[in-house]
């Protein structure tokens, strides 16, 4: 089971999937893990990630929460198809931009999630 990290702010990082909520280690069954994000929530997560004193665990938790914003996201994570492509694009953008996110970064992530 994964430990959930909540970082100060109104948006919770990494919401637990059904496996985690039920305390199950059986991740063979695919369960929905989509939790929508608004543009302002994406911006808040990116602003928290840009904090130079953020821990690696908190940073990873923010990245997972951004991925959970993709409609159709599942646990375990998809490895092929449109959702997996969006996951790769958002992860790449996050790694590239998290230290200095802009409004364009927020718009781009939101656009990828909802395309």
PDB file of N, CA and C in Angstrom:
ATOM      1  N   UNK A   1       0.838  -1.169   0.000  1.00  0.00           N
ATOM      2  CA  UNK A   1       0.000   0.000   0.000  1.00  0.00           C
ATOM      3  C   UNK A   1       0.890   1.242   0.000  1.00  0.00           C
ATOM      4  N   UNK A   2       0.494   2.263  -0.739  1.00  0.00           N
ATOM      5  CA  UNK A   2       1.255   3.493  -0.856  1.00  0.00           C
ATOM      6  C   UNK A   2       0.841   4.470   0.226  1.00  0.00           C
ATOM      7  N   UNK A   3       1.799   5.182   0.782  1.00  0.00           N
ATOM      8  CA  UNK A   3       1.492   6.231   1.744  1.00  0.00           C
ATOM      9  C   UNK A   3       1.101   7.481   0.974  1.00  0.00           C
ATOM     10  N   UNK A   4       0.006   8.092   1.334  1.00  0.00           N
ATOM     11  CA  UNK A   4      -0.473   9.287   0.666  1.00  0.00           C
ATOM     12  C   UNK A   4       0.158  10.507   1.312  1.00  0.00           C
ATOM     13  N   UNK A   5       0.686  11.372   0.491  1.00  0.00           N
ATOM     14  CA  UNK A   5       1.298  12.592   0.978  1.00  0.00           C
ATOM     15  C   UNK A   5       0.413  13.767   0.613  1.00  0.00           C
ATOM     16  N   UNK A   6      -0.013  14.515   1.594  1.00  0.00           N
ATOM     17  CA  UNK A   6      -0.779  15.722   1.329  1.00  0.00           C
ATOM     18  C   UNK A   6       0.129  16.912   1.566  1.00  0.00           C
ATOM     19  N   UNK A   7       0.195  17.760   0.569  1.00  0.00           N
ATOM     20  CA  UNK A   7       1.037  18.944   0.635  1.00  0.00           C
ATOM     21  C   UNK A   7       0.106  20.122   0.893  1.00  0.00           C
ATOM     22  N   UNK A   8       0.558  21.079   1.675  1.00  0.00           N
ATOM     23  CA  UNK A   8      -0.320  22.188   2.012  1.00  0.00           C
ATOM     24  C   UNK A   8      -0.891  22.829   0.754  1.00  0.00           C
ATOM     25  N   UNK A   9      -2.156  23.158   0.813  1.00  0.00           N
ATOM     26  CA  UNK A   9      -2.879  23.711  -0.319  1.00  0.00           C
ATOM     27  C   UNK A   9      -4.242  23.045  -0.387  1.00  0.00           C
ATOM     28  N   UNK A  10      -5.050  23.460  -1.342  1.00  0.00           N
ATOM     29  CA  UNK A  10      -6.402  22.932  -1.393  1.00  0.00           C
ATOM     30  C   UNK A  10      -6.522  21.657  -2.217  1.00  0.00           C
ATOM     31  N   UNK A  11      -5.537  21.347  -3.050  1.00  0.00           N
ATOM     32  CA  UNK A  11      -5.594  20.163  -3.896  1.00  0.00           C
ATOM     33  C   UNK A  11      -4.762  19.063  -3.256  1.00  0.00           C
ATOM     34  N   UNK A  12      -5.380  17.909  -3.021  1.00  0.00           N
ATOM     35  CA  UNK A  12      -4.648  16.789  -2.434  1.00  0.00           C
ATOM     36  C   UNK A  12      -3.809  16.127  -3.513  1.00  0.00           C
ATOM     37  N   UNK A  13      -2.614  15.728  -3.151  1.00  0.00           N
ATOM     38  CA  UNK A  13      -1.742  15.015  -4.066  1.00  0.00           C
ATOM     39  C   UNK A  13      -2.028  13.532  -3.979  1.00  0.00           C
ATOM     40  N   UNK A  14      -1.910  12.842  -5.087  1.00  0.00           N
ATOM     41  CA  UNK A  14      -2.057  11.392  -5.196  1.00  0.00           C
ATOM     42  C   UNK A  14      -3.226  10.857  -4.388  1.00  0.00           C
ATOM     43  N   UNK A  15      -4.370  10.864  -4.994  1.00  0.00           N
ATOM     44  CA  UNK A  15      -5.549  10.287  -4.349  1.00  0.00           C
ATOM     45  C   UNK A  15      -5.452   8.767  -4.401  1.00  0.00           C
ATOM     46  N   UNK A  16      -5.832   8.075  -3.337  1.00  0.00           N
ATOM     47  CA  UNK A  16      -5.693   6.614  -3.322  1.00  0.00           C
ATOM     48  C   UNK A  16      -6.637   5.949  -4.325  1.00  0.00           C
ATOM     49  N   UNK A  17      -6.137   4.913  -4.993  1.00  0.00           N
ATOM     50  CA  UNK A  17      -6.978   4.145  -5.908  1.00  0.00           C
ATOM     51  C   UNK A  17      -7.824   3.172  -5.081  1.00  0.00           C
ATOM     52  N   UNK A  18      -8.731   2.467  -5.750  1.00  0.00           N
ATOM     53  CA  UNK A  18      -9.595   1.522  -5.038  1.00  0.00           C
ATOM     54  C   UNK A  18      -8.796   0.417  -4.366  1.00  0.00           C
ATOM     55  N   UNK A  19      -7.679  -0.012  -4.981  1.00  0.00           N
ATOM     56  CA  UNK A  19      -6.827  -1.022  -4.357  1.00  0.00           C
ATOM     57  C   UNK A  19      -6.331  -0.532  -2.990  1.00  0.00           C
ATOM     58  N   UNK A  20      -5.860   0.708  -2.964  1.00  0.00           N
ATOM     59  CA  UNK A  20      -5.329   1.284  -1.722  1.00  0.00           C
ATOM     60  C   UNK A  20      -6.433   1.499  -0.694  1.00  0.00           C
ATOM     61  N   UNK A  21      -7.592   1.946  -1.151  1.00  0.00           N
ATOM     62  CA  UNK A  21      -8.709   2.178  -0.230  1.00  0.00           C
ATOM     63  C   UNK A  21      -9.166   0.883   0.433  1.00  0.00           C
ATOM     64  N   UNK A  22      -9.101  -0.218  -0.314  1.00  0.00           N
ATOM     65  CA  UNK A  22      -9.543  -1.507   0.215  1.00  0.00           C
ATOM     66  C   UNK A  22      -8.416  -2.264   0.905  1.00  0.00           C
ATOM     67  N   UNK A  23      -7.199  -1.705   0.876  1.00  0.00           N
ATOM     68  CA  UNK A  23      -6.071  -2.371   1.500  1.00  0.00           C
ATOM     69  C   UNK A  23      -5.633  -3.613   0.755  1.00  0.00           C
ATOM     70  N   UNK A  24      -5.886  -3.645  -0.543  1.00  0.00           N
ATOM     71  CA  UNK A  24      -5.570  -4.824  -1.345  1.00  0.00           C
ATOM     72  C   UNK A  24      -4.218  -4.672  -2.034  1.00  0.00           C
ATOM     73  N   UNK A  25      -3.463  -5.745  -2.025  1.00  0.00           N
ATOM     74  CA  UNK A  25      -2.212  -5.784  -2.778  1.00  0.00           C
ATOM     75  C   UNK A  25      -2.425  -6.404  -4.154  1.00  0.00           C
ATOM     76  N   UNK A  26      -3.665  -6.791  -4.463  1.00  0.00           N
ATOM     77  CA  UNK A  26      -3.995  -7.405  -5.743  1.00  0.00           C
ATOM     78  C   UNK A  26      -4.228  -6.318  -6.777  1.00  0.00           C
ATOM     79  N   UNK A  27      -3.198  -6.000  -7.522  1.00  0.00           N
ATOM     80  CA  UNK A  27      -3.304  -4.959  -8.542  1.00  0.00           C
ATOM     81  C   UNK A  27      -3.488  -5.550  -9.925  1.00  0.00           C
ATOM     82  N   UNK A  28      -3.961  -6.798  -9.980  1.00  0.00           N
ATOM     83  CA  UNK A  28      -4.226  -7.415 -11.277  1.00  0.00           C
ATOM     84  C   UNK A  28      -5.517  -6.853 -11.856  1.00  0.00           C
ATOM     85  N   UNK A  29      -6.509  -6.671 -11.005  1.00  0.00           N
ATOM     86  CA  UNK A  29      -7.782  -6.116 -11.459  1.00  0.00           C
ATOM     87  C   UNK A  29      -7.598  -4.643 -11.803  1.00  0.00           C
ATOM     88  N   UNK A  30      -8.075  -4.242 -12.973  1.00  0.00           N
ATOM     89  CA  UNK A  30      -7.990  -2.842 -13.396  1.00  0.00           C
ATOM     90  C   UNK A  30      -9.168  -2.085 -12.803  1.00  0.00           C
ATOM     91  N   UNK A  31      -8.871  -0.992 -12.111  1.00  0.00           N
ATOM     92  CA  UNK A  31      -9.918  -0.167 -11.512  1.00  0.00           C
ATOM     93  C   UNK A  31      -9.749   1.283 -11.968  1.00  0.00           C
ATOM     94  N   UNK A  32     -10.852   2.033 -12.049  1.00  0.00           N
ATOM     95  CA  UNK A  32     -10.760   3.441 -12.445  1.00  0.00           C
ATOM     96  C   UNK A  32      -9.937   4.240 -11.430  1.00  0.00           C
ATOM     97  N   UNK A  33      -9.143   5.156 -11.923  1.00  0.00           N
ATOM     98  CA  UNK A  33      -8.322   6.006 -11.047  1.00  0.00           C
ATOM     99  C   UNK A  33      -8.271   7.431 -11.586  1.00  0.00           C
ATOM    100  N   UNK A  34      -9.369   7.852 -12.229  1.00  0.00           N
ATOM    101  CA  UNK A  34      -9.445   9.207 -12.781  1.00  0.00           C
ATOM    102  C   UNK A  34     -10.089  10.132 -11.765  1.00  0.00           C
ATOM    103  N   UNK A  35      -9.418  11.237 -11.509  1.00  0.00           N
ATOM    104  CA  UNK A  35      -9.921  12.264 -10.606  1.00  0.00           C
ATOM    105  C   UNK A  35      -9.706  13.594 -11.312  1.00  0.00           C
ATOM    106  N   UNK A  36     -10.768  14.206 -11.860  1.00  0.00           N
ATOM    107  CA  UNK A  36     -10.631  15.412 -12.683  1.00  0.00           C
ATOM    108  C   UNK A  36      -9.903  16.551 -11.975  1.00  0.00           C
ATOM    109  N   UNK A  37      -9.235  17.358 -12.776  1.00  0.00           N
ATOM    110  CA  UNK A  37      -8.541  18.553 -12.287  1.00  0.00           C
ATOM    111  C   UNK A  37      -8.986  19.763 -13.103  1.00  0.00           C
ATOM    112  N   UNK A  38      -9.180  20.880 -12.425  1.00  0.00           N
ATOM    113  CA  UNK A  38      -9.443  22.135 -13.117  1.00  0.00           C
ATOM    114  C   UNK A  38      -8.104  22.798 -13.451  1.00  0.00           C
ATOM    115  N   UNK A  39      -8.153  23.833 -14.276  1.00  0.00           N
ATOM    116  CA  UNK A  39      -6.922  24.560 -14.591  1.00  0.00           C
ATOM    117  C   UNK A  39      -6.294  25.149 -13.336  1.00  0.00           C
ATOM    118  N   UNK A  40      -7.129  25.687 -12.445  1.00  0.00           N
ATOM    119  CA  UNK A  40      -6.575  26.294 -11.225  1.00  0.00           C
ATOM    120  C   UNK A  40      -5.931  25.244 -10.328  1.00  0.00           C
ATOM    121  N   UNK A  41      -6.487  24.020 -10.289  1.00  0.00           N
ATOM    122  CA  UNK A  41      -5.877  22.952  -9.498  1.00  0.00           C
ATOM    123  C   UNK A  41      -4.545  22.506 -10.105  1.00  0.00           C
ATOM    124  N   UNK A  42      -4.499  22.418 -11.421  1.00  0.00           N
ATOM    125  CA  UNK A  42      -3.237  22.075 -12.092  1.00  0.00           C
ATOM    126  C   UNK A  42      -2.188  23.135 -11.774  1.00  0.00           C
ATOM    127  N   UNK A  43      -2.579  24.390 -11.871  1.00  0.00           N
ATOM    128  CA  UNK A  43      -1.649  25.490 -11.584  1.00  0.00           C
ATOM    129  C   UNK A  43      -1.150  25.412 -10.146  1.00  0.00           C
ATOM    130  N   UNK A  44      -2.052  25.135  -9.200  1.00  0.00           N
ATOM    131  CA  UNK A  44      -1.648  25.025  -7.794  1.00  0.00           C
ATOM    132  C   UNK A  44      -0.648  23.885  -7.595  1.00  0.00           C
ATOM    133  N   UNK A  45      -0.913  22.740  -8.214  1.00  0.00           N
ATOM    134  CA  UNK A  45       0.015  21.607  -8.101  1.00  0.00           C
ATOM    135  C   UNK A  45       1.384  21.964  -8.685  1.00  0.00           C
ATOM    136  N   UNK A  46       1.397  22.628  -9.825  1.00  0.00           N
ATOM    137  CA  UNK A  46       2.662  23.017 -10.449  1.00  0.00           C
ATOM    138  C   UNK A  46       3.413  24.045  -9.594  1.00  0.00           C
ATOM    139  N   UNK A  47       2.679  24.961  -8.984  1.00  0.00           N
ATOM    140  CA  UNK A  47       3.324  25.954  -8.117  1.00  0.00           C
ATOM    141  C   UNK A  47       3.951  25.284  -6.897  1.00  0.00           C
ATOM    142  N   UNK A  48       3.273  24.289  -6.337  1.00  0.00           N
ATOM    143  CA  UNK A  48       3.848  23.554  -5.202  1.00  0.00           C
ATOM    144  C   UNK A  48       5.089  22.778  -5.619  1.00  0.00           C
ATOM    145  N   UNK A  49       5.036  22.197  -6.815  1.00  0.00           N
ATOM    146  CA  UNK A  49       6.191  21.428  -7.315  1.00  0.00           C
ATOM    147  C   UNK A  49       7.403  22.323  -7.523  1.00  0.00           C
ATOM    148  N   UNK A  50       7.174  23.592  -7.804  1.00  0.00           N
ATOM    149  CA  UNK A  50       8.272  24.528  -8.069  1.00  0.00           C
ATOM    150  C   UNK A  50       8.990  24.978  -6.794  1.00  0.00           C
ATOM    151  N   UNK A  51       8.449  24.648  -5.635  1.00  0.00           N
ATOM    152  CA  UNK A  51       9.077  25.025  -4.370  1.00  0.00           C
ATOM    153  C   UNK A  51      10.441  24.325  -4.265  1.00  0.00           C
ATOM    154  N   UNK A  52      11.533  25.087  -4.144  1.00  0.00           N
ATOM    155  CA  UNK A  52      12.864  24.478  -4.119  1.00  0.00           C
ATOM    156  C   UNK A  52      13.100  23.531  -2.938  1.00  0.00           C
ATOM    157  N   UNK A  53      12.313  23.653  -1.873  1.00  0.00           N
ATOM    158  CA  UNK A  53      12.538  22.801  -0.711  1.00  0.00           C
ATOM    159  C   UNK A  53      11.614  21.576  -0.688  1.00  0.00           C
ATOM    160  N   UNK A  54      10.886  21.330  -1.772  1.00  0.00           N
ATOM    161  CA  UNK A  54       9.962  20.192  -1.808  1.00  0.00           C
ATOM    162  C   UNK A  54      10.742  18.873  -1.814  1.00  0.00           C
ATOM    163  N   UNK A  55      10.205  17.886  -1.127  1.00  0.00           N
ATOM    164  CA  UNK A  55      10.864  16.577  -1.078  1.00  0.00           C
ATOM    165  C   UNK A  55      10.591  15.799  -2.370  1.00  0.00           C
ATOM    166  N   UNK A  56      11.431  14.838  -2.648  1.00  0.00           N
ATOM    167  CA  UNK A  56      11.251  13.982  -3.830  1.00  0.00           C
ATOM    168  C   UNK A  56       9.942  13.212  -3.750  1.00  0.00           C
ATOM    169  N   UNK A  57       9.570  12.767  -2.553  1.00  0.00           N
ATOM    170  CA  UNK A  57       8.325  12.026  -2.360  1.00  0.00           C
ATOM    171  C   UNK A  57       7.127  12.916  -2.684  1.00  0.00           C
ATOM    172  N   UNK A  58       7.152  14.146  -2.220  1.00  0.00           N
ATOM    173  CA  UNK A  58       6.060  15.077  -2.491  1.00  0.00           C
ATOM    174  C   UNK A  58       5.992  15.425  -3.973  1.00  0.00           C
ATOM    175  N   UNK A  59       7.134  15.576  -4.594  1.00  0.00           N
ATOM    176  CA  UNK A  59       7.196  15.872  -6.021  1.00  0.00           C
ATOM    177  C   UNK A  59       6.590  14.721  -6.823  1.00  0.00           C
ATOM    178  N   UNK A  60       6.940  13.493  -6.467  1.00  0.00           N
ATOM    179  CA  UNK A  60       6.384  12.318  -7.150  1.00  0.00           C
ATOM    180  C   UNK A  60       4.868  12.239  -6.933  1.00  0.00           C
ATOM    181  N   UNK A  61       4.420  12.580  -5.737  1.00  0.00           N
ATOM    182  CA  UNK A  61       3.001  12.552  -5.426  1.00  0.00           C
ATOM    183  C   UNK A  61       2.230  13.555  -6.290  1.00  0.00           C
ATOM    184  N   UNK A  62       2.808  14.710  -6.508  1.00  0.00           N
ATOM    185  CA  UNK A  62       2.189  15.721  -7.374  1.00  0.00           C
ATOM    186  C   UNK A  62       2.117  15.205  -8.803  1.00  0.00           C
ATOM    187  N   UNK A  63       3.179  14.581  -9.267  1.00  0.00           N
ATOM    188  CA  UNK A  63       3.184  14.050 -10.629  1.00  0.00           C
ATOM    189  C   UNK A  63       2.094  12.987 -10.793  1.00  0.00           C
ATOM    190  N   UNK A  64       1.949  12.105  -9.816  1.00  0.00           N
ATOM    191  CA  UNK A  64       0.908  11.080  -9.877  1.00  0.00           C
ATOM    192  C   UNK A  64      -0.468  11.737  -9.919  1.00  0.00           C
ATOM    193  N   UNK A  65      -0.674  12.757  -9.087  1.00  0.00           N
ATOM    194  CA  UNK A  65      -1.986  13.428  -9.062  1.00  0.00           C
ATOM    195  C   UNK A  65      -2.301  14.060 -10.412  1.00  0.00           C
ATOM    196  N   UNK A  66      -1.294  14.630 -11.076  1.00  0.00           N
ATOM    197  CA  UNK A  66      -1.512  15.200 -12.405  1.00  0.00           C
ATOM    198  C   UNK A  66      -1.936  14.101 -13.385  1.00  0.00           C
ATOM    199  N   UNK A  67      -1.320  12.946 -13.286  1.00  0.00           N
ATOM    200  CA  UNK A  67      -1.680  11.836 -14.177  1.00  0.00           C
ATOM    201  C   UNK A  67      -3.095  11.347 -13.898  1.00  0.00           C
ATOM    202  N   UNK A  68      -3.513  11.389 -12.643  1.00  0.00           N
ATOM    203  CA  UNK A  68      -4.872  10.983 -12.290  1.00  0.00           C
ATOM    204  C   UNK A  68      -5.921  11.915 -12.895  1.00  0.00           C
ATOM    205  N   UNK A  69      -5.506  13.062 -13.384  1.00  0.00           N
ATOM    206  CA  UNK A  69      -6.421  13.997 -14.027  1.00  0.00           C
ATOM    207  C   UNK A  69      -6.778  13.605 -15.455  1.00  0.00           C
ATOM    208  N   UNK A  70      -6.134  12.588 -15.995  1.00  0.00           N
ATOM    209  CA  UNK A  70      -6.401  12.138 -17.363  1.00  0.00           C
ATOM    210  C   UNK A  70      -7.683  11.301 -17.368  1.00  0.00           C
ATOM    211  N   UNK A  71      -8.696  11.716 -18.137  1.00  0.00           N
ATOM    212  CA  UNK A  71      -9.908  10.903 -18.225  1.00  0.00           C
ATOM    213  C   UNK A  71      -9.567   9.486 -18.713  1.00  0.00           C
ATOM    214  N   UNK A  72     -10.128   8.487 -18.035  1.00  0.00           N
ATOM    215  CA  UNK A  72      -9.866   7.100 -18.395  1.00  0.00           C
ATOM    216  C   UNK A  72      -8.671   6.490 -17.695  1.00  0.00           C
ATOM    217  N   UNK A  73      -7.989   7.268 -16.829  1.00  0.00           N
ATOM    218  CA  UNK A  73      -6.817   6.749 -16.126  1.00  0.00           C
ATOM    219  C   UNK A  73      -7.237   5.596 -15.220  1.00  0.00           C
ATOM    220  N   UNK A  74      -6.380   4.593 -15.107  1.00  0.00           N
ATOM    221  CA  UNK A  74      -6.696   3.400 -14.325  1.00  0.00           C
ATOM    222  C   UNK A  74      -5.530   3.009 -13.428  1.00  0.00           C
ATOM    223  N   UNK A  75      -5.824   2.126 -12.503  1.00  0.00           N
ATOM    224  CA  UNK A  75      -4.805   1.476 -11.691  1.00  0.00           C
ATOM    225  C   UNK A  75      -4.970  -0.018 -11.901  1.00  0.00           C
ATOM    226  N   UNK A  76      -3.950  -0.740 -12.286  1.00  0.00           N
ATOM    227  CA  UNK A  76      -2.629  -0.228 -12.613  1.00  0.00           C
ATOM    228  C   UNK A  76      -2.674   0.672 -13.842  1.00  0.00           C
ATOM    229  N   UNK A  77      -1.622   1.449 -13.967  1.00  0.00           N
ATOM    230  CA  UNK A  77      -1.556   2.432 -15.047  1.00  0.00           C
ATOM    231  C   UNK A  77      -1.576   1.751 -16.407  1.00  0.00           C
ATOM    232  N   UNK A  78      -2.144   2.417 -17.405  1.00  0.00           N
ATOM    233  CA  UNK A  78      -2.194   1.845 -18.743  1.00  0.00           C
ATOM    234  C   UNK A  78      -0.810   1.889 -19.412  1.00  0.00           C
ATOM    235  N   UNK A  79      -0.526   0.899 -20.231  1.00  0.00           N
ATOM    236  CA  UNK A  79       0.773   0.847 -20.902  1.00  0.00           C
ATOM    237  C   UNK A  79       0.679   1.069 -22.399  1.00  0.00           C
ATOM    238  N   UNK A  80      -0.535   1.161 -22.928  1.00  0.00           N
ATOM    239  CA  UNK A  80      -0.696   1.441 -24.348  1.00  0.00           C
ATOM    240  C   UNK A  80      -2.019   2.151 -24.549  1.00  0.00           C
ATOM    241  N   UNK A  81      -2.159   2.776 -25.700  1.00  0.00           N
ATOM    242  CA  UNK A  81      -3.388   3.475 -26.017  1.00  0.00           C
ATOM    243  C   UNK A  81      -3.302   4.970 -25.733  1.00  0.00           C
ATOM    244  N   UNK A  82      -4.410   5.650 -25.962  1.00  0.00           N
ATOM    245  CA  UNK A  82      -4.477   7.106 -25.828  1.00  0.00           C
ATOM    246  C   UNK A  82      -4.162   7.591 -24.420  1.00  0.00           C
ATOM    247  N   UNK A  83      -4.682   6.919 -23.410  1.00  0.00           N
ATOM    248  CA  UNK A  83      -4.428   7.329 -22.029  1.00  0.00           C
ATOM    249  C   UNK A  83      -2.933   7.213 -21.709  1.00  0.00           C
ATOM    250  N   UNK A  84      -2.297   6.152 -22.155  1.00  0.00           N
ATOM    251  CA  UNK A  84      -0.851   5.976 -21.933  1.00  0.00           C
ATOM    252  C   UNK A  84      -0.055   7.045 -22.667  1.00  0.00           C
ATOM    253  N   UNK A  85      -0.497   7.435 -23.864  1.00  0.00           N
ATOM    254  CA  UNK A  85       0.177   8.511 -24.609  1.00  0.00           C
ATOM    255  C   UNK A  85       0.056   9.836 -23.865  1.00  0.00           C
ATOM    256  N   UNK A  86      -1.133  10.116 -23.342  1.00  0.00           N
ATOM    257  CA  UNK A  86      -1.326  11.345 -22.570  1.00  0.00           C
ATOM    258  C   UNK A  86      -0.465  11.326 -21.313  1.00  0.00           C
ATOM    259  N   UNK A  87      -0.379  10.170 -20.663  1.00  0.00           N
ATOM    260  CA  UNK A  87       0.455  10.024 -19.467  1.00  0.00           C
ATOM    261  C   UNK A  87       1.914  10.371 -19.785  1.00  0.00           C
ATOM    262  N   UNK A  88       2.403   9.869 -20.895  1.00  0.00           N
ATOM    263  CA  UNK A  88       3.787  10.144 -21.297  1.00  0.00           C
ATOM    264  C   UNK A  88       3.991  11.633 -21.575  1.00  0.00           C
ATOM    265  N   UNK A  89       3.040  12.253 -22.258  1.00  0.00           N
ATOM    266  CA  UNK A  89       3.158  13.683 -22.578  1.00  0.00           C
ATOM    267  C   UNK A  89       3.128  14.546 -21.313  1.00  0.00           C
ATOM    268  N   UNK A  90       2.225  14.240 -20.394  1.00  0.00           N
ATOM    269  CA  UNK A  90       2.134  15.017 -19.153  1.00  0.00           C
ATOM    270  C   UNK A  90       3.375  14.801 -18.295  1.00  0.00           C
ATOM    271  N   UNK A  91       3.841  13.565 -18.191  1.00  0.00           N
ATOM    272  CA  UNK A  91       5.056  13.293 -17.410  1.00  0.00           C
ATOM    273  C   UNK A  91       6.262  14.018 -17.997  1.00  0.00           C
ATOM    274  N   UNK A  92       6.397  13.990 -19.310  1.00  0.00           N
ATOM    275  CA  UNK A  92       7.515  14.679 -19.968  1.00  0.00           C
ATOM    276  C   UNK A  92       7.451  16.182 -19.734  1.00  0.00           C
ATOM    277  N   UNK A  93       6.260  16.747 -19.866  1.00  0.00           N
ATOM    278  CA  UNK A  93       6.081  18.180 -19.638  1.00  0.00           C
ATOM    279  C   UNK A  93       6.356  18.531 -18.183  1.00  0.00           C
ATOM    280  N   UNK A  94       5.890  17.711 -17.263  1.00  0.00           N
ATOM    281  CA  UNK A  94       6.122  17.954 -15.840  1.00  0.00           C
ATOM    282  C   UNK A  94       7.617  17.972 -15.527  1.00  0.00           C
ATOM    283  N   UNK A  95       8.339  16.966 -15.996  1.00  0.00           N
ATOM    284  CA  UNK A  95       9.777  16.879 -15.722  1.00  0.00           C
ATOM    285  C   UNK A  95      10.517  18.072 -16.334  1.00  0.00           C
ATOM    286  N   UNK A  96      10.082  18.509 -17.495  1.00  0.00           N
ATOM    287  CA  UNK A  96      10.727  19.628 -18.187  1.00  0.00           C
ATOM    288  C   UNK A  96      10.421  20.974 -17.521  1.00  0.00           C
ATOM    289  N   UNK A  97       9.204  21.136 -17.012  1.00  0.00           N
ATOM    290  CA  UNK A  97       8.732  22.463 -16.593  1.00  0.00           C
ATOM    291  C   UNK A  97       8.520  22.665 -15.092  1.00  0.00           C
ATOM    292  N   UNK A  98       8.616  21.610 -14.270  1.00  0.00           N
ATOM    293  CA  UNK A  98       8.160  21.754 -12.877  1.00  0.00           C
ATOM    294  C   UNK A  98       8.929  22.798 -12.076  1.00  0.00           C
ATOM    295  N   UNK A  99      10.189  23.060 -12.411  1.00  0.00           N
ATOM    296  CA  UNK A  99      10.947  24.044 -11.629  1.00  0.00           C
ATOM    297  C   UNK A  99      10.518  25.476 -11.925  1.00  0.00           C
ATOM    298  N   UNK A 100      10.019  25.718 -13.139  1.00  0.00           N
ATOM    299  CA  UNK A 100       9.617  27.072 -13.539  1.00  0.00           C
ATOM    300  C   UNK A 100       8.343  27.012 -14.380  1.00  0.00           C
ATOM    301  N   UNK A 101       7.234  26.561 -13.790  1.00  0.00           N
ATOM    302  CA  UNK A 101       6.000  26.448 -14.575  1.00  0.00           C
ATOM    303  C   UNK A 101       5.429  27.822 -14.925  1.00  0.00           C
ATOM    304  N   UNK A 102       4.758  27.885 -16.037  1.00  0.00           N
ATOM    305  CA  UNK A 102       4.109  29.125 -16.488  1.00  0.00           C
ATOM    306  C   UNK A 102       2.623  28.839 -16.701  1.00  0.00           C
ATOM    307  N   UNK A 103       1.877  29.884 -16.997  1.00  0.00           N
ATOM    308  CA  UNK A 103       0.466  29.688 -17.334  1.00  0.00           C
ATOM    309  C   UNK A 103       0.339  28.827 -18.584  1.00  0.00           C
ATOM    310  N   UNK A 104       1.314  28.936 -19.489  1.00  0.00           N
ATOM    311  CA  UNK A 104       1.303  28.110 -20.702  1.00  0.00           C
ATOM    312  C   UNK A 104       1.458  26.626 -20.350  1.00  0.00           C
ATOM    313  N   UNK A 105       2.248  26.328 -19.324  1.00  0.00           N
ATOM    314  CA  UNK A 105       2.406  24.942 -18.873  1.00  0.00           C
ATOM    315  C   UNK A 105       1.062  24.399 -18.389  1.00  0.00           C
ATOM    316  N   UNK A 106       0.361  25.202 -17.596  1.00  0.00           N
ATOM    317  CA  UNK A 106      -0.955  24.808 -17.095  1.00  0.00           C
ATOM    318  C   UNK A 106      -1.913  24.556 -18.254  1.00  0.00           C
ATOM    319  N   UNK A 107      -1.957  25.482 -19.194  1.00  0.00           N
ATOM    320  CA  UNK A 107      -2.846  25.353 -20.354  1.00  0.00           C
ATOM    321  C   UNK A 107      -2.511  24.107 -21.168  1.00  0.00           C
ATOM    322  N   UNK A 108      -1.220  23.855 -21.357  1.00  0.00           N
ATOM    323  CA  UNK A 108      -0.789  22.703 -22.139  1.00  0.00           C
ATOM    324  C   UNK A 108      -1.190  21.393 -21.449  1.00  0.00           C
ATOM    325  N   UNK A 109      -0.965  21.304 -20.134  1.00  0.00           N
ATOM    326  CA  UNK A 109      -1.363  20.102 -19.399  1.00  0.00           C
ATOM    327  C   UNK A 109      -2.869  19.891 -19.458  1.00  0.00           C
ATOM    328  N   UNK A 110      -3.617  20.946 -19.235  1.00  0.00           N
ATOM    329  CA  UNK A 110      -5.075  20.851 -19.275  1.00  0.00           C
ATOM    330  C   UNK A 110      -5.531  20.395 -20.663  1.00  0.00           C
ATOM    331  N   UNK A 111      -4.890  20.947 -21.698  1.00  0.00           N
ATOM    332  CA  UNK A 111      -5.230  20.568 -23.059  1.00  0.00           C
ATOM    333  C   UNK A 111      -4.943  19.101 -23.354  1.00  0.00           C
ATOM    334  N   UNK A 112      -3.811  18.607 -22.868  1.00  0.00           N
ATOM    335  CA  UNK A 112      -3.465  17.196 -23.052  1.00  0.00           C
ATOM    336  C   UNK A 112      -4.478  16.313 -22.343  1.00  0.00           C
ATOM    337  N   UNK A 113      -4.800  16.649 -21.105  1.00  0.00           N
ATOM    338  CA  UNK A 113      -5.740  15.838 -20.317  1.00  0.00           C
ATOM    339  C   UNK A 113      -7.094  15.731 -20.985  1.00  0.00           C
ATOM    340  N   UNK A 114      -7.535  16.818 -21.575  1.00  0.00           N
ATOM    341  CA  UNK A 114      -8.908  16.890 -22.046  1.00  0.00           C
ATOM    342  C   UNK A 114      -9.052  16.836 -23.560  1.00  0.00           C
ATOM    343  N   UNK A 115      -8.003  16.433 -24.262  1.00  0.00           N
ATOM    344  CA  UNK A 115      -8.061  16.331 -25.728  1.00  0.00           C
ATOM    345  C   UNK A 115      -8.803  15.077 -26.139  1.00  0.00           C
TER     346      UNK A 115
END
